[in-house]
Amino acid sequence: MNDKDERRQWLMEVHAERDRLLPLRSEATRTTIGMLRSNAAHASQPDLVPYLNLTYLMAVKEGRGEDELMAFALSLANWAVSAVVDLAQHTNRTVEQVLDTYETAIMAAAEADEEDGADGADEADEEPP
């Protein structure tokens, strides 16, 4: 199979999955709004938010199944794209500039974590006096 045939096959699968999940869109959107209302209230506690988000995702999967979870994930992804576009427009930046800001912050945090880990490793290698 050549690249064009593979892309065509992939697009057919994506369209079929979209059509299959489409009836769940309205409920997924309501679930997304509910999660955002609930978890954004804790934005002042950024370390807590990922746990609340994961709890919400696990509850959807457990209570409603894999299809609802996939529809919810699609809804969240669509909202994320819209939010980034809106933020870019309201801050007179491009989408790429907004994403670069976040990516740079993530890279800086990872670098700081590596430095902290290296410092701890050096200390662990030292023998007590």
N, C-alpha and C. Protein backbone atom coordinates (compact mmCIF):
# COMPACT_ATOMS: atom_id res chain seq x y z
N MET A 1 0.85 -1.17 0.00
CA MET A 1 0.00 0.00 0.00
C MET A 1 0.90 1.24 0.00
N ASN A 2 0.61 2.20 -0.88
CA ASN A 2 1.42 3.42 -0.93
C ASN A 2 0.90 4.46 0.06
N ASP A 3 1.66 5.56 0.18
CA ASP A 3 1.30 6.61 1.15
C ASP A 3 -0.09 7.18 0.91
N LYS A 4 -0.42 7.38 -0.35
CA LYS A 4 -1.72 7.95 -0.67
C LYS A 4 -2.85 7.01 -0.24
N ASP A 5 -2.68 5.72 -0.48
CA ASP A 5 -3.69 4.74 -0.07
C ASP A 5 -3.79 4.67 1.45
N GLU A 6 -2.64 4.75 2.14
CA GLU A 6 -2.64 4.72 3.60
C GLU A 6 -3.36 5.94 4.17
N ARG A 7 -3.09 7.11 3.59
CA ARG A 7 -3.78 8.33 4.04
C ARG A 7 -5.28 8.23 3.79
N ARG A 8 -5.66 7.73 2.65
CA ARG A 8 -7.07 7.56 2.32
C ARG A 8 -7.73 6.61 3.31
N GLN A 9 -7.07 5.50 3.61
CA GLN A 9 -7.60 4.53 4.57
C GLN A 9 -7.73 5.17 5.96
N TRP A 10 -6.71 5.91 6.38
CA TRP A 10 -6.74 6.58 7.68
C TRP A 10 -7.89 7.58 7.74
N LEU A 11 -8.05 8.38 6.70
CA LEU A 11 -9.15 9.35 6.67
C LEU A 11 -10.51 8.67 6.71
N MET A 12 -10.65 7.55 6.05
CA MET A 12 -11.90 6.81 6.09
C MET A 12 -12.19 6.33 7.51
N GLU A 13 -11.16 5.86 8.21
CA GLU A 13 -11.33 5.40 9.58
C GLU A 13 -11.69 6.57 10.50
N VAL A 14 -11.03 7.71 10.32
CA VAL A 14 -11.32 8.89 11.13
C VAL A 14 -12.76 9.35 10.90
N HIS A 15 -13.18 9.41 9.65
CA HIS A 15 -14.56 9.82 9.35
C HIS A 15 -15.57 8.85 9.95
N ALA A 16 -15.28 7.56 9.86
CA ALA A 16 -16.20 6.56 10.42
C ALA A 16 -16.28 6.71 11.94
N GLU A 17 -15.15 6.94 12.59
CA GLU A 17 -15.15 7.10 14.05
C GLU A 17 -15.87 8.39 14.44
N ARG A 18 -15.65 9.46 13.69
CA ARG A 18 -16.34 10.71 13.96
C ARG A 18 -17.85 10.51 13.84
N ASP A 19 -18.28 9.86 12.79
CA ASP A 19 -19.71 9.61 12.59
C ASP A 19 -20.28 8.74 13.72
N ARG A 20 -19.51 7.77 14.18
CA ARG A 20 -19.95 6.89 15.26
C ARG A 20 -20.09 7.65 16.57
N LEU A 21 -19.16 8.59 16.83
CA LEU A 21 -19.18 9.35 18.08
C LEU A 21 -20.09 10.58 18.05
N LEU A 22 -20.49 10.99 16.87
CA LEU A 22 -21.29 12.21 16.72
C LEU A 22 -22.53 12.25 17.60
N PRO A 23 -23.27 11.16 17.77
CA PRO A 23 -24.45 11.23 18.65
C PRO A 23 -24.10 11.53 20.12
N LEU A 24 -22.85 11.35 20.50
CA LEU A 24 -22.42 11.60 21.88
C LEU A 24 -21.92 13.03 22.09
N ARG A 25 -21.88 13.81 21.02
CA ARG A 25 -21.28 15.14 21.08
C ARG A 25 -21.95 16.06 22.10
N SER A 26 -23.25 16.10 22.11
CA SER A 26 -23.96 17.00 23.01
C SER A 26 -23.67 16.68 24.47
N GLU A 27 -23.73 15.40 24.82
CA GLU A 27 -23.43 14.99 26.20
C GLU A 27 -21.96 15.25 26.53
N ALA A 28 -21.07 15.01 25.58
CA ALA A 28 -19.64 15.26 25.81
C ALA A 28 -19.38 16.74 26.05
N THR A 29 -20.08 17.60 25.34
CA THR A 29 -19.92 19.04 25.54
C THR A 29 -20.41 19.44 26.93
N ARG A 30 -21.56 18.88 27.35
CA ARG A 30 -22.06 19.18 28.70
C ARG A 30 -21.08 18.67 29.77
N THR A 31 -20.50 17.51 29.53
CA THR A 31 -19.51 16.96 30.47
C THR A 31 -18.28 17.86 30.52
N THR A 32 -17.85 18.35 29.37
CA THR A 32 -16.69 19.24 29.32
C THR A 32 -16.97 20.53 30.10
N ILE A 33 -18.12 21.11 29.89
CA ILE A 33 -18.47 22.34 30.61
C ILE A 33 -18.52 22.07 32.11
N GLY A 34 -19.10 20.95 32.50
CA GLY A 34 -19.16 20.59 33.92
C GLY A 34 -17.78 20.44 34.53
N MET A 35 -16.89 19.76 33.81
CA MET A 35 -15.53 19.58 34.31
C MET A 35 -14.80 20.91 34.42
N LEU A 36 -14.94 21.75 33.41
CA LEU A 36 -14.27 23.05 33.43
C LEU A 36 -14.80 23.92 34.57
N ARG A 37 -16.10 23.93 34.77
CA ARG A 37 -16.67 24.71 35.89
C ARG A 37 -16.12 24.21 37.23
N SER A 38 -16.11 22.91 37.38
CA SER A 38 -15.68 22.32 38.65
C SER A 38 -14.18 22.50 38.89
N ASN A 39 -13.38 22.18 37.90
CA ASN A 39 -11.94 22.14 38.11
C ASN A 39 -11.26 23.50 37.96
N ALA A 40 -11.82 24.39 37.15
CA ALA A 40 -11.24 25.73 37.01
C ALA A 40 -11.39 26.53 38.30
N ALA A 41 -12.35 26.15 39.12
CA ALA A 41 -12.52 26.82 40.42
C ALA A 41 -11.30 26.59 41.31
N HIS A 42 -10.48 25.61 40.96
CA HIS A 42 -9.28 25.29 41.75
C HIS A 42 -8.00 25.76 41.06
N ALA A 43 -8.12 26.69 40.13
CA ALA A 43 -6.95 27.17 39.38
C ALA A 43 -5.89 27.77 40.28
N SER A 44 -6.28 28.25 41.45
CA SER A 44 -5.31 28.82 42.38
C SER A 44 -4.46 27.73 43.03
N GLN A 45 -4.83 26.47 42.80
CA GLN A 45 -4.07 25.32 43.31
C GLN A 45 -3.62 24.46 42.13
N PRO A 46 -2.65 24.95 41.35
CA PRO A 46 -2.29 24.26 40.10
C PRO A 46 -1.81 22.82 40.28
N ASP A 47 -1.28 22.47 41.44
CA ASP A 47 -0.86 21.09 41.66
C ASP A 47 -2.05 20.15 41.83
N LEU A 48 -3.19 20.68 42.23
CA LEU A 48 -4.39 19.88 42.45
C LEU A 48 -5.15 19.63 41.14
N VAL A 49 -5.12 20.57 40.23
CA VAL A 49 -5.94 20.50 39.01
C VAL A 49 -5.70 19.23 38.20
N PRO A 50 -4.47 18.79 37.96
CA PRO A 50 -4.31 17.54 37.18
C PRO A 50 -4.98 16.34 37.83
N TYR A 51 -4.95 16.28 39.16
CA TYR A 51 -5.61 15.17 39.85
C TYR A 51 -7.12 15.25 39.69
N LEU A 52 -7.66 16.45 39.77
CA LEU A 52 -9.10 16.61 39.57
C LEU A 52 -9.49 16.25 38.14
N ASN A 53 -8.68 16.66 37.17
CA ASN A 53 -8.95 16.32 35.77
C ASN A 53 -8.90 14.81 35.56
N LEU A 54 -7.88 14.16 36.11
CA LEU A 54 -7.77 12.71 35.96
C LEU A 54 -8.94 12.00 36.63
N THR A 55 -9.35 12.48 37.78
CA THR A 55 -10.51 11.91 38.46
C THR A 55 -11.74 12.00 37.58
N TYR A 56 -11.93 13.15 36.95
CA TYR A 56 -13.07 13.35 36.07
C TYR A 56 -13.02 12.38 34.89
N LEU A 57 -11.85 12.25 34.27
CA LEU A 57 -11.68 11.34 33.14
C LEU A 57 -11.96 9.89 33.55
N MET A 58 -11.43 9.51 34.69
CA MET A 58 -11.65 8.14 35.17
C MET A 58 -13.12 7.88 35.46
N ALA A 59 -13.80 8.88 36.01
CA ALA A 59 -15.23 8.74 36.31
C ALA A 59 -16.05 8.60 35.03
N VAL A 60 -15.70 9.35 34.01
CA VAL A 60 -16.40 9.23 32.73
C VAL A 60 -16.18 7.83 32.16
N LYS A 61 -14.94 7.38 32.17
CA LYS A 61 -14.64 6.05 31.64
C LYS A 61 -15.38 4.97 32.41
N GLU A 62 -15.33 5.05 33.73
CA GLU A 62 -15.97 4.04 34.58
C GLU A 62 -17.49 4.09 34.46
N GLY A 63 -18.05 5.29 34.48
CA GLY A 63 -19.51 5.42 34.52
C GLY A 63 -20.19 5.35 33.17
N ARG A 64 -19.45 5.75 32.13
CA ARG A 64 -20.12 5.85 30.82
C ARG A 64 -19.46 5.02 29.74
N GLY A 65 -18.25 4.56 29.95
CA GLY A 65 -17.60 3.69 28.98
C GLY A 65 -16.61 4.40 28.07
N GLU A 66 -15.96 3.57 27.27
CA GLU A 66 -14.89 4.03 26.38
C GLU A 66 -15.37 5.02 25.32
N ASP A 67 -16.55 4.79 24.77
CA ASP A 67 -17.05 5.70 23.73
C ASP A 67 -17.29 7.10 24.29
N GLU A 68 -17.92 7.17 25.45
CA GLU A 68 -18.14 8.48 26.09
C GLU A 68 -16.81 9.14 26.44
N LEU A 69 -15.85 8.34 26.89
CA LEU A 69 -14.52 8.89 27.21
C LEU A 69 -13.88 9.46 25.94
N MET A 70 -13.98 8.75 24.84
CA MET A 70 -13.40 9.24 23.58
C MET A 70 -14.12 10.50 23.12
N ALA A 71 -15.44 10.55 23.24
CA ALA A 71 -16.19 11.75 22.86
C ALA A 71 -15.82 12.92 23.76
N PHE A 72 -15.65 12.66 25.05
CA PHE A 72 -15.24 13.68 26.01
C PHE A 72 -13.84 14.19 25.67
N ALA A 73 -12.92 13.29 25.38
CA ALA A 73 -11.56 13.69 25.00
C ALA A 73 -11.57 14.55 23.74
N LEU A 74 -12.39 14.18 22.77
CA LEU A 74 -12.51 14.97 21.56
C LEU A 74 -13.06 16.36 21.86
N SER A 75 -14.06 16.42 22.73
CA SER A 75 -14.63 17.70 23.13
C SER A 75 -13.57 18.56 23.82
N LEU A 76 -12.82 17.97 24.74
CA LEU A 76 -11.76 18.70 25.43
C LEU A 76 -10.71 19.23 24.45
N ALA A 77 -10.33 18.40 23.50
CA ALA A 77 -9.35 18.81 22.50
C ALA A 77 -9.88 19.99 21.67
N ASN A 78 -11.14 19.91 21.29
CA ASN A 78 -11.74 21.01 20.52
C ASN A 78 -11.78 22.30 21.33
N TRP A 79 -12.13 22.18 22.62
CA TRP A 79 -12.15 23.36 23.49
C TRP A 79 -10.75 23.93 23.66
N ALA A 80 -9.75 23.07 23.80
CA ALA A 80 -8.37 23.54 23.97
C ALA A 80 -7.91 24.33 22.75
N VAL A 81 -8.21 23.82 21.56
CA VAL A 81 -7.83 24.54 20.34
C VAL A 81 -8.52 25.90 20.29
N SER A 82 -9.82 25.92 20.59
CA SER A 82 -10.56 27.18 20.57
C SER A 82 -10.00 28.17 21.60
N ALA A 83 -9.66 27.66 22.79
CA ALA A 83 -9.13 28.54 23.84
C ALA A 83 -7.79 29.14 23.43
N VAL A 84 -6.94 28.35 22.80
CA VAL A 84 -5.64 28.88 22.36
C VAL A 84 -5.83 29.92 21.27
N VAL A 85 -6.72 29.66 20.35
CA VAL A 85 -7.00 30.63 19.29
C VAL A 85 -7.55 31.93 19.89
N ASP A 86 -8.50 31.81 20.82
CA ASP A 86 -9.05 33.00 21.48
C ASP A 86 -7.98 33.77 22.24
N LEU A 87 -7.15 33.06 22.99
CA LEU A 87 -6.07 33.71 23.73
C LEU A 87 -5.13 34.44 22.79
N ALA A 88 -4.79 33.82 21.69
CA ALA A 88 -3.90 34.47 20.71
C ALA A 88 -4.54 35.75 20.17
N GLN A 89 -5.80 35.68 19.84
CA GLN A 89 -6.49 36.86 19.30
C GLN A 89 -6.57 37.97 20.33
N HIS A 90 -6.87 37.63 21.57
CA HIS A 90 -7.05 38.66 22.61
C HIS A 90 -5.74 39.25 23.11
N THR A 91 -4.64 38.56 22.84
CA THR A 91 -3.33 39.07 23.27
C THR A 91 -2.49 39.54 22.09
N ASN A 92 -3.13 39.62 20.92
CA ASN A 92 -2.44 40.07 19.70
C ASN A 92 -1.18 39.27 19.41
N ARG A 93 -1.29 37.97 19.61
CA ARG A 93 -0.20 37.06 19.28
C ARG A 93 -0.71 36.02 18.30
N THR A 94 0.22 35.30 17.70
CA THR A 94 -0.19 34.18 16.86
C THR A 94 -0.39 32.97 17.74
N VAL A 95 -1.09 31.98 17.21
CA VAL A 95 -1.27 30.72 17.94
C VAL A 95 0.10 30.13 18.25
N GLU A 96 0.99 30.19 17.29
CA GLU A 96 2.34 29.64 17.48
C GLU A 96 3.07 30.33 18.64
N GLN A 97 2.91 31.64 18.76
CA GLN A 97 3.55 32.38 19.87
C GLN A 97 2.97 31.96 21.22
N VAL A 98 1.66 31.76 21.28
CA VAL A 98 1.04 31.31 22.52
C VAL A 98 1.58 29.94 22.90
N LEU A 99 1.60 29.03 21.94
CA LEU A 99 2.09 27.68 22.22
C LEU A 99 3.57 27.68 22.58
N ASP A 100 4.35 28.54 21.91
CA ASP A 100 5.77 28.65 22.24
C ASP A 100 5.98 29.08 23.69
N THR A 101 5.12 29.96 24.18
CA THR A 101 5.22 30.42 25.57
C THR A 101 5.08 29.24 26.52
N TYR A 102 4.07 28.41 26.28
CA TYR A 102 3.85 27.25 27.15
C TYR A 102 4.96 26.22 26.98
N GLU A 103 5.37 25.99 25.75
CA GLU A 103 6.40 25.00 25.51
C GLU A 103 7.72 25.42 26.16
N THR A 104 8.04 26.70 26.09
CA THR A 104 9.25 27.21 26.72
C THR A 104 9.18 27.02 28.24
N ALA A 105 8.02 27.29 28.82
CA ALA A 105 7.86 27.11 30.27
C ALA A 105 8.03 25.64 30.66
N ILE A 106 7.51 24.74 29.86
CA ILE A 106 7.64 23.31 30.14
C ILE A 106 9.10 22.88 30.04
N MET A 107 9.79 23.36 29.02
CA MET A 107 11.20 23.03 28.86
C MET A 107 12.03 23.57 30.02
N ALA A 108 11.73 24.79 30.46
CA ALA A 108 12.46 25.38 31.59
C ALA A 108 12.21 24.58 32.86
N ALA A 109 10.97 24.16 33.07
CA ALA A 109 10.65 23.36 34.27
C ALA A 109 11.37 22.02 34.22
N ALA A 110 11.42 21.39 33.05
CA ALA A 110 12.12 20.11 32.92
C ALA A 110 13.61 20.27 33.18
N GLU A 111 14.17 21.36 32.67
CA GLU A 111 15.59 21.63 32.89
C GLU A 111 15.87 21.86 34.38
N ALA A 112 14.99 22.59 35.04
CA ALA A 112 15.16 22.83 36.47
C ALA A 112 15.06 21.52 37.25
N ASP A 113 14.13 20.64 36.85
CA ASP A 113 13.99 19.34 37.50
C ASP A 113 15.26 18.50 37.32
N GLU A 114 15.84 18.55 36.11
CA GLU A 114 17.07 17.81 35.85
C GLU A 114 18.21 18.34 36.70
N GLU A 115 18.30 19.65 36.83
CA GLU A 115 19.35 20.25 37.65
C GLU A 115 19.17 19.88 39.11
N ASP A 116 17.93 19.89 39.59
CA ASP A 116 17.66 19.50 40.97
C ASP A 116 18.03 18.04 41.18
N GLY A 117 17.72 17.19 40.21
CA GLY A 117 18.06 15.77 40.31
C GLY A 117 19.55 15.55 40.29
N ALA A 118 20.27 16.31 39.46
CA ALA A 118 21.72 16.18 39.40
C ALA A 118 22.35 16.64 40.70
N ASP A 119 21.83 17.71 41.29
CA ASP A 119 22.36 18.18 42.57
C ASP A 119 22.16 17.13 43.64
N GLY A 120 21.01 16.51 43.65
CA GLY A 120 20.73 15.47 44.65
C GLY A 120 21.62 14.26 44.45
N ALA A 121 21.92 13.93 43.18
CA ALA A 121 22.79 12.79 42.89
C ALA A 121 24.21 13.07 43.36
N ASP A 122 24.68 14.30 43.16
CA ASP A 122 26.02 14.67 43.62
C ASP A 122 26.12 14.54 45.12
N GLU A 123 25.08 15.01 45.80
CA GLU A 123 25.08 14.95 47.26
C GLU A 123 25.04 13.50 47.75
N ALA A 124 24.32 12.65 47.04
CA ALA A 124 24.22 11.26 47.45
C ALA A 124 25.57 10.54 47.27
N ASP A 125 26.38 10.97 46.29
CA ASP A 125 27.67 10.34 46.04
C ASP A 125 28.72 10.77 47.06
N GLU A 126 28.50 11.87 47.72
CA GLU A 126 29.49 12.35 48.69
C GLU A 126 29.43 11.51 49.95
N GLU A 127 30.60 11.24 50.49
CA GLU A 127 30.66 10.50 51.74
C GLU A 127 30.57 11.46 52.90
N PRO A 128 29.94 11.04 53.98
CA PRO A 128 29.85 11.94 55.14
C PRO A 128 31.25 12.18 55.71
N PRO A 129 31.49 13.36 56.35
CA PRO A 129 32.81 13.67 56.89
C PRO A 129 33.18 12.78 58.05
